[in-house]
Amino acid sequence: MAAILGLVLGVVAGIFLQPDIPIGLQPYLPIMVVAALDALMGAVRSYFERSFSDRVFVVSFISNVITATLLVFLGNQLGVGSQLSTAVIVVLGIRIFSNVSSIRRFIFKG
């Protein structure tokens, strides 16, 4: 319940405060969001499989975001930022859809 309350408060604060994102982080924000969604879908899947661990979720969340951001940063430094961004999005997208598929099978299987 605390997580849902925190999520609602965070969304409401974001809507009313409208924080500015630093220009240096703007190219990496979409990658960070997709990496965070991947960790979230993995957590939901493990919850349904009854193997959820909050420690694993936190480590997965932070490491996914940092790794994806560093890959895109490295791609930008090498001059292949858009190609590497696309690759990261595709890989994380496949993982997200795989997790959603497993969640759906679990829900409809009962």
PDB file of N, CA and C in Angstrom:
ATOM      1  N   MET A   1       0.826  -1.196   0.000  1.00  0.00           N
ATOM      2  CA  MET A   1       0.000   0.000   0.000  1.00  0.00           C
ATOM      3  C   MET A   1       0.868   1.256   0.000  1.00  0.00           C
ATOM      4  N   ALA A   2       1.988   1.183   0.712  1.00  0.00           N
ATOM      5  CA  ALA A   2       2.876   2.344   0.774  1.00  0.00           C
ATOM      6  C   ALA A   2       3.458   2.660  -0.600  1.00  0.00           C
ATOM      7  N   ALA A   3       3.746   1.615  -1.390  1.00  0.00           N
ATOM      8  CA  ALA A   3       4.301   1.832  -2.730  1.00  0.00           C
ATOM      9  C   ALA A   3       3.288   2.531  -3.635  1.00  0.00           C
ATOM     10  N   ILE A   4       2.034   2.138  -3.552  1.00  0.00           N
ATOM     11  CA  ILE A   4       0.992   2.764  -4.373  1.00  0.00           C
ATOM     12  C   ILE A   4       0.786   4.211  -3.943  1.00  0.00           C
ATOM     13  N   LEU A   5       0.780   4.447  -2.647  1.00  0.00           N
ATOM     14  CA  LEU A   5       0.637   5.815  -2.143  1.00  0.00           C
ATOM     15  C   LEU A   5       1.816   6.680  -2.592  1.00  0.00           C
ATOM     16  N   GLY A   6       3.029   6.129  -2.530  1.00  0.00           N
ATOM     17  CA  GLY A   6       4.205   6.860  -2.989  1.00  0.00           C
ATOM     18  C   GLY A   6       4.148   7.168  -4.471  1.00  0.00           C
ATOM     19  N   LEU A   7       3.653   6.201  -5.251  1.00  0.00           N
ATOM     20  CA  LEU A   7       3.512   6.412  -6.691  1.00  0.00           C
ATOM     21  C   LEU A   7       2.515   7.528  -6.982  1.00  0.00           C
ATOM     22  N   VAL A   8       1.381   7.494  -6.321  1.00  0.00           N
ATOM     23  CA  VAL A   8       0.362   8.525  -6.535  1.00  0.00           C
ATOM     24  C   VAL A   8       0.890   9.895  -6.118  1.00  0.00           C
ATOM     25  N   LEU A   9       1.548   9.959  -4.968  1.00  0.00           N
ATOM     26  CA  LEU A   9       2.100  11.241  -4.520  1.00  0.00           C
ATOM     27  C   LEU A   9       3.170  11.751  -5.480  1.00  0.00           C
ATOM     28  N   GLY A  10       3.997  10.855  -6.005  1.00  0.00           N
ATOM     29  CA  GLY A  10       5.025  11.253  -6.954  1.00  0.00           C
ATOM     30  C   GLY A  10       4.447  11.787  -8.250  1.00  0.00           C
ATOM     31  N   VAL A  11       3.403  11.139  -8.750  1.00  0.00           N
ATOM     32  CA  VAL A  11       2.760  11.602  -9.979  1.00  0.00           C
ATOM     33  C   VAL A  11       2.098  12.962  -9.759  1.00  0.00           C
ATOM     34  N   VAL A  12       1.404  13.109  -8.647  1.00  0.00           N
ATOM     35  CA  VAL A  12       0.740  14.389  -8.347  1.00  0.00           C
ATOM     36  C   VAL A  12       1.777  15.498  -8.181  1.00  0.00           C
ATOM     37  N   ALA A  13       2.865  15.216  -7.473  1.00  0.00           N
ATOM     38  CA  ALA A  13       3.912  16.226  -7.299  1.00  0.00           C
ATOM     39  C   ALA A  13       4.537  16.591  -8.637  1.00  0.00           C
ATOM     40  N   GLY A  14       4.756  15.604  -9.507  1.00  0.00           N
ATOM     41  CA  GLY A  14       5.321  15.872 -10.826  1.00  0.00           C
ATOM     42  C   GLY A  14       4.409  16.717 -11.690  1.00  0.00           C
ATOM     43  N   ILE A  15       3.108  16.498 -11.582  1.00  0.00           N
ATOM     44  CA  ILE A  15       2.155  17.272 -12.379  1.00  0.00           C
ATOM     45  C   ILE A  15       2.112  18.721 -11.899  1.00  0.00           C
ATOM     46  N   PHE A  16       2.072  18.926 -10.597  1.00  0.00           N
ATOM     47  CA  PHE A  16       1.937  20.281 -10.080  1.00  0.00           C
ATOM     48  C   PHE A  16       3.252  21.048 -10.063  1.00  0.00           C
ATOM     49  N   LEU A  17       4.356  20.388  -9.762  1.00  0.00           N
ATOM     50  CA  LEU A  17       5.634  21.089  -9.664  1.00  0.00           C
ATOM     51  C   LEU A  17       6.325  21.243 -11.020  1.00  0.00           C
ATOM     52  N   GLN A  18       6.017  20.379 -11.963  1.00  0.00           N
ATOM     53  CA  GLN A  18       6.597  20.393 -13.313  1.00  0.00           C
ATOM     54  C   GLN A  18       8.105  20.633 -13.263  1.00  0.00           C
ATOM     55  N   PRO A  19       8.842  19.648 -12.752  1.00  0.00           N
ATOM     56  CA  PRO A  19      10.295  19.845 -12.631  1.00  0.00           C
ATOM     57  C   PRO A  19      10.972  19.906 -14.003  1.00  0.00           C
ATOM     58  N   ASP A  20      12.039  20.687 -14.082  1.00  0.00           N
ATOM     59  CA  ASP A  20      12.821  20.773 -15.310  1.00  0.00           C
ATOM     60  C   ASP A  20      13.893  19.698 -15.298  1.00  0.00           C
ATOM     61  N   ILE A  21      14.047  19.047 -16.430  1.00  0.00           N
ATOM     62  CA  ILE A  21      15.082  18.026 -16.566  1.00  0.00           C
ATOM     63  C   ILE A  21      16.319  18.709 -17.124  1.00  0.00           C
ATOM     64  N   PRO A  22      17.468  18.497 -16.497  1.00  0.00           N
ATOM     65  CA  PRO A  22      18.692  19.123 -17.016  1.00  0.00           C
ATOM     66  C   PRO A  22      18.951  18.708 -18.464  1.00  0.00           C
ATOM     67  N   ILE A  23      19.434  19.620 -19.257  1.00  0.00           N
ATOM     68  CA  ILE A  23      19.649  19.372 -20.688  1.00  0.00           C
ATOM     69  C   ILE A  23      20.582  18.186 -20.908  1.00  0.00           C
ATOM     70  N   GLY A  24      21.565  18.012 -20.056  1.00  0.00           N
ATOM     71  CA  GLY A  24      22.495  16.905 -20.214  1.00  0.00           C
ATOM     72  C   GLY A  24      21.862  15.537 -20.028  1.00  0.00           C
ATOM     73  N   LEU A  25      20.759  15.470 -19.277  1.00  0.00           N
ATOM     74  CA  LEU A  25      20.084  14.188 -19.041  1.00  0.00           C
ATOM     75  C   LEU A  25      18.958  13.903 -20.029  1.00  0.00           C
ATOM     76  N   GLN A  26      18.516  14.900 -20.770  1.00  0.00           N
ATOM     77  CA  GLN A  26      17.359  14.715 -21.653  1.00  0.00           C
ATOM     78  C   GLN A  26      17.516  13.597 -22.682  1.00  0.00           C
ATOM     79  N   PRO A  27      18.683  13.404 -23.298  1.00  0.00           N
ATOM     80  CA  PRO A  27      18.791  12.307 -24.267  1.00  0.00           C
ATOM     81  C   PRO A  27      18.705  10.927 -23.611  1.00  0.00           C
ATOM     82  N   TYR A  28      18.982  10.859 -22.325  1.00  0.00           N
ATOM     83  CA  TYR A  28      19.029   9.566 -21.639  1.00  0.00           C
ATOM     84  C   TYR A  28      17.735   9.227 -20.903  1.00  0.00           C
ATOM     85  N   LEU A  29      16.858  10.193 -20.721  1.00  0.00           N
ATOM     86  CA  LEU A  29      15.639   9.967 -19.954  1.00  0.00           C
ATOM     87  C   LEU A  29      14.747   8.876 -20.543  1.00  0.00           C
ATOM     88  N   PRO A  30      14.491   8.848 -21.861  1.00  0.00           N
ATOM     89  CA  PRO A  30      13.654   7.755 -22.386  1.00  0.00           C
ATOM     90  C   PRO A  30      14.261   6.375 -22.140  1.00  0.00           C
ATOM     91  N   ILE A  31      15.575   6.274 -22.239  1.00  0.00           N
ATOM     92  CA  ILE A  31      16.237   4.995 -21.985  1.00  0.00           C
ATOM     93  C   ILE A  31      16.087   4.610 -20.517  1.00  0.00           C
ATOM     94  N   MET A  32      16.213   5.590 -19.636  1.00  0.00           N
ATOM     95  CA  MET A  32      16.058   5.328 -18.207  1.00  0.00           C
ATOM     96  C   MET A  32      14.652   4.837 -17.882  1.00  0.00           C
ATOM     97  N   VAL A  33      13.652   5.449 -18.515  1.00  0.00           N
ATOM     98  CA  VAL A  33      12.261   5.064 -18.265  1.00  0.00           C
ATOM     99  C   VAL A  33      12.006   3.639 -18.748  1.00  0.00           C
ATOM    100  N   VAL A  34      12.496   3.299 -19.934  1.00  0.00           N
ATOM    101  CA  VAL A  34      12.286   1.945 -20.470  1.00  0.00           C
ATOM    102  C   VAL A  34      13.015   0.915 -19.604  1.00  0.00           C
ATOM    103  N   ALA A  35      14.222   1.242 -19.142  1.00  0.00           N
ATOM    104  CA  ALA A  35      14.953   0.330 -18.268  1.00  0.00           C
ATOM    105  C   ALA A  35      14.216   0.139 -16.939  1.00  0.00           C
ATOM    106  N   ALA A  36      13.641   1.214 -16.415  1.00  0.00           N
ATOM    107  CA  ALA A  36      12.868   1.115 -15.179  1.00  0.00           C
ATOM    108  C   ALA A  36      11.615   0.273 -15.387  1.00  0.00           C
ATOM    109  N   LEU A  37      10.950   0.432 -16.530  1.00  0.00           N
ATOM    110  CA  LEU A  37       9.773  -0.394 -16.832  1.00  0.00           C
ATOM    111  C   LEU A  37      10.139  -1.866 -16.940  1.00  0.00           C
ATOM    112  N   ASP A  38      11.308  -2.151 -17.500  1.00  0.00           N
ATOM    113  CA  ASP A  38      11.771  -3.530 -17.582  1.00  0.00           C
ATOM    114  C   ASP A  38      11.926  -4.127 -16.191  1.00  0.00           C
ATOM    115  N   ALA A  39      12.546  -3.391 -15.287  1.00  0.00           N
ATOM    116  CA  ALA A  39      12.715  -3.878 -13.916  1.00  0.00           C
ATOM    117  C   ALA A  39      11.362  -4.047 -13.226  1.00  0.00           C
ATOM    118  N   LEU A  40      10.448  -3.125 -13.474  1.00  0.00           N
ATOM    119  CA  LEU A  40       9.117  -3.206 -12.868  1.00  0.00           C
ATOM    120  C   LEU A  40       8.346  -4.423 -13.367  1.00  0.00           C
ATOM    121  N   MET A  41       8.384  -4.668 -14.662  1.00  0.00           N
ATOM    122  CA  MET A  41       7.685  -5.840 -15.208  1.00  0.00           C
ATOM    123  C   MET A  41       8.326  -7.139 -14.714  1.00  0.00           C
ATOM    124  N   GLY A  42       9.641  -7.142 -14.563  1.00  0.00           N
ATOM    125  CA  GLY A  42      10.311  -8.307 -13.995  1.00  0.00           C
ATOM    126  C   GLY A  42       9.888  -8.554 -12.556  1.00  0.00           C
ATOM    127  N   ALA A  43       9.695  -7.480 -11.805  1.00  0.00           N
ATOM    128  CA  ALA A  43       9.248  -7.611 -10.417  1.00  0.00           C
ATOM    129  C   ALA A  43       7.826  -8.149 -10.345  1.00  0.00           C
ATOM    130  N   VAL A  44       6.960  -7.657 -11.216  1.00  0.00           N
ATOM    131  CA  VAL A  44       5.577  -8.141 -11.228  1.00  0.00           C
ATOM    132  C   VAL A  44       5.549  -9.621 -11.593  1.00  0.00           C
ATOM    133  N   ARG A  45       6.349 -10.008 -12.587  1.00  0.00           N
ATOM    134  CA  ARG A  45       6.418 -11.414 -12.980  1.00  0.00           C
ATOM    135  C   ARG A  45       6.898 -12.278 -11.813  1.00  0.00           C
ATOM    136  N   SER A  46       7.952 -11.850 -11.132  1.00  0.00           N
ATOM    137  CA  SER A  46       8.462 -12.652 -10.019  1.00  0.00           C
ATOM    138  C   SER A  46       7.467 -12.683  -8.859  1.00  0.00           C
ATOM    139  N   TYR A  47       6.673 -11.631  -8.705  1.00  0.00           N
ATOM    140  CA  TYR A  47       5.629 -11.644  -7.677  1.00  0.00           C
ATOM    141  C   TYR A  47       4.604 -12.729  -7.974  1.00  0.00           C
ATOM    142  N   PHE A  48       4.179 -12.811  -9.226  1.00  0.00           N
ATOM    143  CA  PHE A  48       3.210 -13.835  -9.595  1.00  0.00           C
ATOM    144  C   PHE A  48       3.801 -15.238  -9.504  1.00  0.00           C
ATOM    145  N   GLU A  49       5.100 -15.353  -9.720  1.00  0.00           N
ATOM    146  CA  GLU A  49       5.767 -16.648  -9.597  1.00  0.00           C
ATOM    147  C   GLU A  49       6.159 -16.960  -8.159  1.00  0.00           C
ATOM    148  N   ARG A  50       5.812 -16.082  -7.243  1.00  0.00           N
ATOM    149  CA  ARG A  50       6.088 -16.201  -5.816  1.00  0.00           C
ATOM    150  C   ARG A  50       7.591 -16.289  -5.509  1.00  0.00           C
ATOM    151  N   SER A  51       8.373 -15.550  -6.268  1.00  0.00           N
ATOM    152  CA  SER A  51       9.815 -15.511  -6.016  1.00  0.00           C
ATOM    153  C   SER A  51      10.315 -14.074  -5.898  1.00  0.00           C
ATOM    154  N   PHE A  52       9.420 -13.144  -5.564  1.00  0.00           N
ATOM    155  CA  PHE A  52       9.786 -11.728  -5.487  1.00  0.00           C
ATOM    156  C   PHE A  52      10.683 -11.476  -4.279  1.00  0.00           C
ATOM    157  N   SER A  53      11.716 -10.676  -4.509  1.00  0.00           N
ATOM    158  CA  SER A  53      12.595 -10.214  -3.434  1.00  0.00           C
ATOM    159  C   SER A  53      12.795  -8.709  -3.621  1.00  0.00           C
ATOM    160  N   ASP A  54      12.517  -7.970  -2.574  1.00  0.00           N
ATOM    161  CA  ASP A  54      12.659  -6.518  -2.689  1.00  0.00           C
ATOM    162  C   ASP A  54      14.103  -6.110  -2.937  1.00  0.00           C
ATOM    163  N   ARG A  55      15.038  -6.835  -2.382  1.00  0.00           N
ATOM    164  CA  ARG A  55      16.454  -6.513  -2.607  1.00  0.00           C
ATOM    165  C   ARG A  55      16.844  -6.733  -4.062  1.00  0.00           C
ATOM    166  N   VAL A  56      16.387  -7.845  -4.616  1.00  0.00           N
ATOM    167  CA  VAL A  56      16.681  -8.130  -6.023  1.00  0.00           C
ATOM    168  C   VAL A  56      16.040  -7.068  -6.908  1.00  0.00           C
ATOM    169  N   PHE A  57      14.821  -6.641  -6.564  1.00  0.00           N
ATOM    170  CA  PHE A  57      14.148  -5.619  -7.355  1.00  0.00           C
ATOM    171  C   PHE A  57      14.924  -4.302  -7.339  1.00  0.00           C
ATOM    172  N   VAL A  58      15.362  -3.869  -6.175  1.00  0.00           N
ATOM    173  CA  VAL A  58      16.078  -2.599  -6.073  1.00  0.00           C
ATOM    174  C   VAL A  58      17.393  -2.662  -6.852  1.00  0.00           C
ATOM    175  N   VAL A  59      18.133  -3.758  -6.698  1.00  0.00           N
ATOM    176  CA  VAL A  59      19.394  -3.904  -7.419  1.00  0.00           C
ATOM    177  C   VAL A  59      19.141  -3.970  -8.923  1.00  0.00           C
ATOM    178  N   SER A  60      18.113  -4.711  -9.327  1.00  0.00           N
ATOM    179  CA  SER A  60      17.775  -4.820 -10.749  1.00  0.00           C
ATOM    180  C   SER A  60      17.364  -3.463 -11.308  1.00  0.00           C
ATOM    181  N   PHE A  61      16.554  -2.729 -10.571  1.00  0.00           N
ATOM    182  CA  PHE A  61      16.086  -1.422 -11.016  1.00  0.00           C
ATOM    183  C   PHE A  61      17.263  -0.473 -11.240  1.00  0.00           C
ATOM    184  N   ILE A  62      18.111  -0.368 -10.237  1.00  0.00           N
ATOM    185  CA  ILE A  62      19.243   0.567 -10.321  1.00  0.00           C
ATOM    186  C   ILE A  62      20.234   0.122 -11.388  1.00  0.00           C
ATOM    187  N   SER A  63      20.557  -1.166 -11.423  1.00  0.00           N
ATOM    188  CA  SER A  63      21.548  -1.630 -12.393  1.00  0.00           C
ATOM    189  C   SER A  63      21.021  -1.539 -13.819  1.00  0.00           C
ATOM    190  N   ASN A  64      19.733  -1.797 -14.049  1.00  0.00           N
ATOM    191  CA  ASN A  64      19.162  -1.653 -15.392  1.00  0.00           C
ATOM    192  C   ASN A  64      19.265  -0.206 -15.874  1.00  0.00           C
ATOM    193  N   VAL A  65      18.882   0.717 -15.023  1.00  0.00           N
ATOM    194  CA  VAL A  65      18.895   2.129 -15.406  1.00  0.00           C
ATOM    195  C   VAL A  65      20.326   2.601 -15.667  1.00  0.00           C
ATOM    196  N   ILE A  66      21.226   2.257 -14.780  1.00  0.00           N
ATOM    197  CA  ILE A  66      22.616   2.704 -14.952  1.00  0.00           C
ATOM    198  C   ILE A  66      23.254   2.064 -16.176  1.00  0.00           C
ATOM    199  N   THR A  67      23.063   0.757 -16.356  1.00  0.00           N
ATOM    200  CA  THR A  67      23.671   0.067 -17.499  1.00  0.00           C
ATOM    201  C   THR A  67      23.143   0.602 -18.818  1.00  0.00           C
ATOM    202  N   ALA A  68      21.839   0.757 -18.934  1.00  0.00           N
ATOM    203  CA  ALA A  68      21.259   1.260 -20.182  1.00  0.00           C
ATOM    204  C   ALA A  68      21.742   2.684 -20.467  1.00  0.00           C
ATOM    205  N   THR A  69      21.788   3.507 -19.433  1.00  0.00           N
ATOM    206  CA  THR A  69      22.243   4.883 -19.614  1.00  0.00           C
ATOM    207  C   THR A  69      23.713   4.930 -20.021  1.00  0.00           C
ATOM    208  N   LEU A  70      24.535   4.119 -19.383  1.00  0.00           N
ATOM    209  CA  LEU A  70      25.955   4.098 -19.735  1.00  0.00           C
ATOM    210  C   LEU A  70      26.187   3.574 -21.155  1.00  0.00           C
ATOM    211  N   LEU A  71      25.392   2.588 -21.584  1.00  0.00           N
ATOM    212  CA  LEU A  71      25.520   2.099 -22.960  1.00  0.00           C
ATOM    213  C   LEU A  71      25.208   3.195 -23.963  1.00  0.00           C
ATOM    214  N   VAL A  72      24.149   3.942 -23.716  1.00  0.00           N
ATOM    215  CA  VAL A  72      23.787   5.024 -24.628  1.00  0.00           C
ATOM    216  C   VAL A  72      24.828   6.146 -24.564  1.00  0.00           C
ATOM    217  N   PHE A  73      25.324   6.449 -23.378  1.00  0.00           N
ATOM    218  CA  PHE A  73      26.375   7.453 -23.246  1.00  0.00           C
ATOM    219  C   PHE A  73      27.617   7.037 -24.027  1.00  0.00           C
ATOM    220  N   LEU A  74      27.994   5.774 -23.901  1.00  0.00           N
ATOM    221  CA  LEU A  74      29.145   5.265 -24.640  1.00  0.00           C
ATOM    222  C   LEU A  74      28.905   5.358 -26.145  1.00  0.00           C
ATOM    223  N   GLY A  75      27.703   5.020 -26.568  1.00  0.00           N
ATOM    224  CA  GLY A  75      27.363   5.150 -27.988  1.00  0.00           C
ATOM    225  C   GLY A  75      27.460   6.581 -28.474  1.00  0.00           C
ATOM    226  N   ASN A  76      27.019   7.516 -27.652  1.00  0.00           N
ATOM    227  CA  ASN A  76      27.138   8.937 -28.026  1.00  0.00           C
ATOM    228  C   ASN A  76      28.595   9.352 -28.138  1.00  0.00           C
ATOM    229  N   GLN A  77      29.428   8.868 -27.240  1.00  0.00           N
ATOM    230  CA  GLN A  77      30.844   9.220 -27.284  1.00  0.00           C
ATOM    231  C   GLN A  77      31.535   8.619 -28.512  1.00  0.00           C
ATOM    232  N   LEU A  78      31.062   7.444 -28.950  1.00  0.00           N
ATOM    233  CA  LEU A  78      31.652   6.789 -30.121  1.00  0.00           C
ATOM    234  C   LEU A  78      31.037   7.260 -31.433  1.00  0.00           C
ATOM    235  N   GLY A  79      29.987   8.063 -31.339  1.00  0.00           N
ATOM    236  CA  GLY A  79      29.343   8.574 -32.548  1.00  0.00           C
ATOM    237  C   GLY A  79      28.269   7.669 -33.108  1.00  0.00           C
ATOM    238  N   VAL A  80      27.874   6.658 -32.353  1.00  0.00           N
ATOM    239  CA  VAL A  80      26.827   5.744 -32.807  1.00  0.00           C
ATOM    240  C   VAL A  80      25.674   5.723 -31.795  1.00  0.00           C
ATOM    241  N   GLY A  81      25.392   6.895 -31.229  1.00  0.00           N
ATOM    242  CA  GLY A  81      24.399   6.994 -30.167  1.00  0.00           C
ATOM    243  C   GLY A  81      23.009   6.556 -30.574  1.00  0.00           C
ATOM    244  N   SER A  82      22.571   6.947 -31.777  1.00  0.00           N
ATOM    245  CA  SER A  82      21.207   6.589 -32.171  1.00  0.00           C
ATOM    246  C   SER A  82      21.082   5.095 -32.423  1.00  0.00           C
ATOM    247  N   GLN A  83      22.114   4.475 -32.995  1.00  0.00           N
ATOM    248  CA  GLN A  83      22.047   3.035 -33.244  1.00  0.00           C
ATOM    249  C   GLN A  83      22.069   2.250 -31.936  1.00  0.00           C
ATOM    250  N   LEU A  84      22.909   2.679 -31.002  1.00  0.00           N
ATOM    251  CA  LEU A  84      22.980   1.983 -29.723  1.00  0.00           C
ATOM    252  C   LEU A  84      21.720   2.220 -28.898  1.00  0.00           C
ATOM    253  N   SER A  85      21.143   3.411 -28.998  1.00  0.00           N
ATOM    254  CA  SER A  85      19.868   3.684 -28.311  1.00  0.00           C
ATOM    255  C   SER A  85      18.784   2.762 -28.838  1.00  0.00           C
ATOM    256  N   THR A  86      18.754   2.599 -30.151  1.00  0.00           N
ATOM    257  CA  THR A  86      17.760   1.711 -30.750  1.00  0.00           C
ATOM    258  C   THR A  86      17.969   0.277 -30.278  1.00  0.00           C
ATOM    259  N   ALA A  87      19.209  -0.159 -30.234  1.00  0.00           N
ATOM    260  CA  ALA A  87      19.499  -1.519 -29.788  1.00  0.00           C
ATOM    261  C   ALA A  87      19.064  -1.734 -28.338  1.00  0.00           C
ATOM    262  N   VAL A  88      19.350  -0.761 -27.477  1.00  0.00           N
ATOM    263  CA  VAL A  88      18.967  -0.881 -26.063  1.00  0.00           C
ATOM    264  C   VAL A  88      17.445  -0.922 -25.932  1.00  0.00           C
ATOM    265  N   ILE A  89      16.746  -0.061 -26.665  1.00  0.00           N
ATOM    266  CA  ILE A  89      15.287  -0.039 -26.617  1.00  0.00           C
ATOM    267  C   ILE A  89      14.700  -1.367 -27.106  1.00  0.00           C
ATOM    268  N   VAL A  90      15.270  -1.915 -28.181  1.00  0.00           N
ATOM    269  CA  VAL A  90      14.765  -3.186 -28.720  1.00  0.00           C
ATOM    270  C   VAL A  90      14.955  -4.309 -27.700  1.00  0.00           C
ATOM    271  N   VAL A  91      16.146  -4.394 -27.114  1.00  0.00           N
ATOM    272  CA  VAL A  91      16.410  -5.463 -26.143  1.00  0.00           C
ATOM    273  C   VAL A  91      15.501  -5.327 -24.922  1.00  0.00           C
ATOM    274  N   LEU A  92      15.402  -4.124 -24.379  1.00  0.00           N
ATOM    275  CA  LEU A  92      14.545  -3.925 -23.210  1.00  0.00           C
ATOM    276  C   LEU A  92      13.072  -4.130 -23.570  1.00  0.00           C
ATOM    277  N   GLY A  93      12.689  -3.724 -24.776  1.00  0.00           N
ATOM    278  CA  GLY A  93      11.312  -3.945 -25.224  1.00  0.00           C
ATOM    279  C   GLY A  93      10.978  -5.418 -25.310  1.00  0.00           C
ATOM    280  N   ILE A  94      11.899  -6.211 -25.828  1.00  0.00           N
ATOM    281  CA  ILE A  94      11.677  -7.658 -25.900  1.00  0.00           C
ATOM    282  C   ILE A  94      11.511  -8.235 -24.501  1.00  0.00           C
ATOM    283  N   ARG A  95      12.349  -7.788 -23.576  1.00  0.00           N
ATOM    284  CA  ARG A  95      12.236  -8.278 -22.195  1.00  0.00           C
ATOM    285  C   ARG A  95      10.909  -7.860 -21.561  1.00  0.00           C
ATOM    286  N   ILE A  96      10.484  -6.623 -21.811  1.00  0.00           N
ATOM    287  CA  ILE A  96       9.212  -6.149 -21.251  1.00  0.00           C
ATOM    288  C   ILE A  96       8.057  -6.977 -21.792  1.00  0.00           C
ATOM    289  N   PHE A  97       8.019  -7.182 -23.114  1.00  0.00           N
ATOM    290  CA  PHE A  97       6.930  -7.961 -23.693  1.00  0.00           C
ATOM    291  C   PHE A  97       6.966  -9.419 -23.256  1.00  0.00           C
ATOM    292  N   SER A  98       8.141  -9.962 -23.038  1.00  0.00           N
ATOM    293  CA  SER A  98       8.256 -11.324 -22.531  1.00  0.00           C
ATOM    294  C   SER A  98       7.689 -11.419 -21.116  1.00  0.00           C
ATOM    295  N   ASN A  99       8.024 -10.450 -20.284  1.00  0.00           N
ATOM    296  CA  ASN A  99       7.488 -10.442 -18.924  1.00  0.00           C
ATOM    297  C   ASN A  99       5.977 -10.242 -18.912  1.00  0.00           C
ATOM    298  N   VAL A 100       5.489  -9.334 -19.740  1.00  0.00           N
ATOM    299  CA  VAL A 100       4.042  -9.101 -19.813  1.00  0.00           C
ATOM    300  C   VAL A 100       3.326 -10.355 -20.294  1.00  0.00           C
ATOM    301  N   SER A 101       3.926 -11.056 -21.245  1.00  0.00           N
ATOM    302  CA  SER A 101       3.348 -12.303 -21.738  1.00  0.00           C
ATOM    303  C   SER A 101       3.254 -13.346 -20.624  1.00  0.00           C
ATOM    304  N   SER A 102       4.299 -13.457 -19.826  1.00  0.00           N
ATOM    305  CA  SER A 102       4.280 -14.400 -18.703  1.00  0.00           C
ATOM    306  C   SER A 102       3.238 -13.999 -17.666  1.00  0.00           C
ATOM    307  N   ILE A 103       3.123 -12.705 -17.407  1.00  0.00           N
ATOM    308  CA  ILE A 103       2.119 -12.226 -16.453  1.00  0.00           C
ATOM    309  C   ILE A 103       0.720 -12.538 -16.963  1.00  0.00           C
ATOM    310  N   ARG A 104       0.497 -12.288 -18.248  1.00  0.00           N
ATOM    311  CA  ARG A 104      -0.812 -12.559 -18.839  1.00  0.00           C
ATOM    312  C   ARG A 104      -1.150 -14.043 -18.753  1.00  0.00           C
ATOM    313  N   ARG A 105      -0.180 -14.912 -19.067  1.00  0.00           N
ATOM    314  CA  ARG A 105      -0.425 -16.351 -18.980  1.00  0.00           C
ATOM    315  C   ARG A 105      -0.763 -16.752 -17.557  1.00  0.00           C
ATOM    316  N   PHE A 106      -0.089 -16.176 -16.573  1.00  0.00           N
ATOM    317  CA  PHE A 106      -0.354 -16.506 -15.195  1.00  0.00           C
ATOM    318  C   PHE A 106      -1.760 -16.054 -14.786  1.00  0.00           C
ATOM    319  N   ILE A 107      -2.144 -14.858 -15.202  1.00  0.00           N
ATOM    320  CA  ILE A 107      -3.452 -14.332 -14.811  1.00  0.00           C
ATOM    321  C   ILE A 107      -4.580 -15.154 -15.430  1.00  0.00           C
ATOM    322  N   PHE A 108      -4.460 -15.481 -16.721  1.00  0.00           N
ATOM    323  CA  PHE A 108      -5.542 -16.201 -17.378  1.00  0.00           C
ATOM    324  C   PHE A 108      -5.521 -17.695 -17.076  1.00  0.00           C
ATOM    325  N   LYS A 109      -4.383 -18.208 -16.663  1.00  0.00           N
ATOM    326  CA  LYS A 109      -4.287 -19.617 -16.283  1.00  0.00           C
ATOM    327  C   LYS A 109      -4.962 -19.840 -14.933  1.00  0.00           C
ATOM    328  N   GLY A 110      -4.859 -18.809 -14.096  1.00  0.00           N
ATOM    329  CA  GLY A 110      -5.520 -18.864 -12.805  1.00  0.00           C
ATOM    330  C   GLY A 110      -4.688 -19.546 -11.844  1.00  0.00           C
TER     331      GLY A 110
END
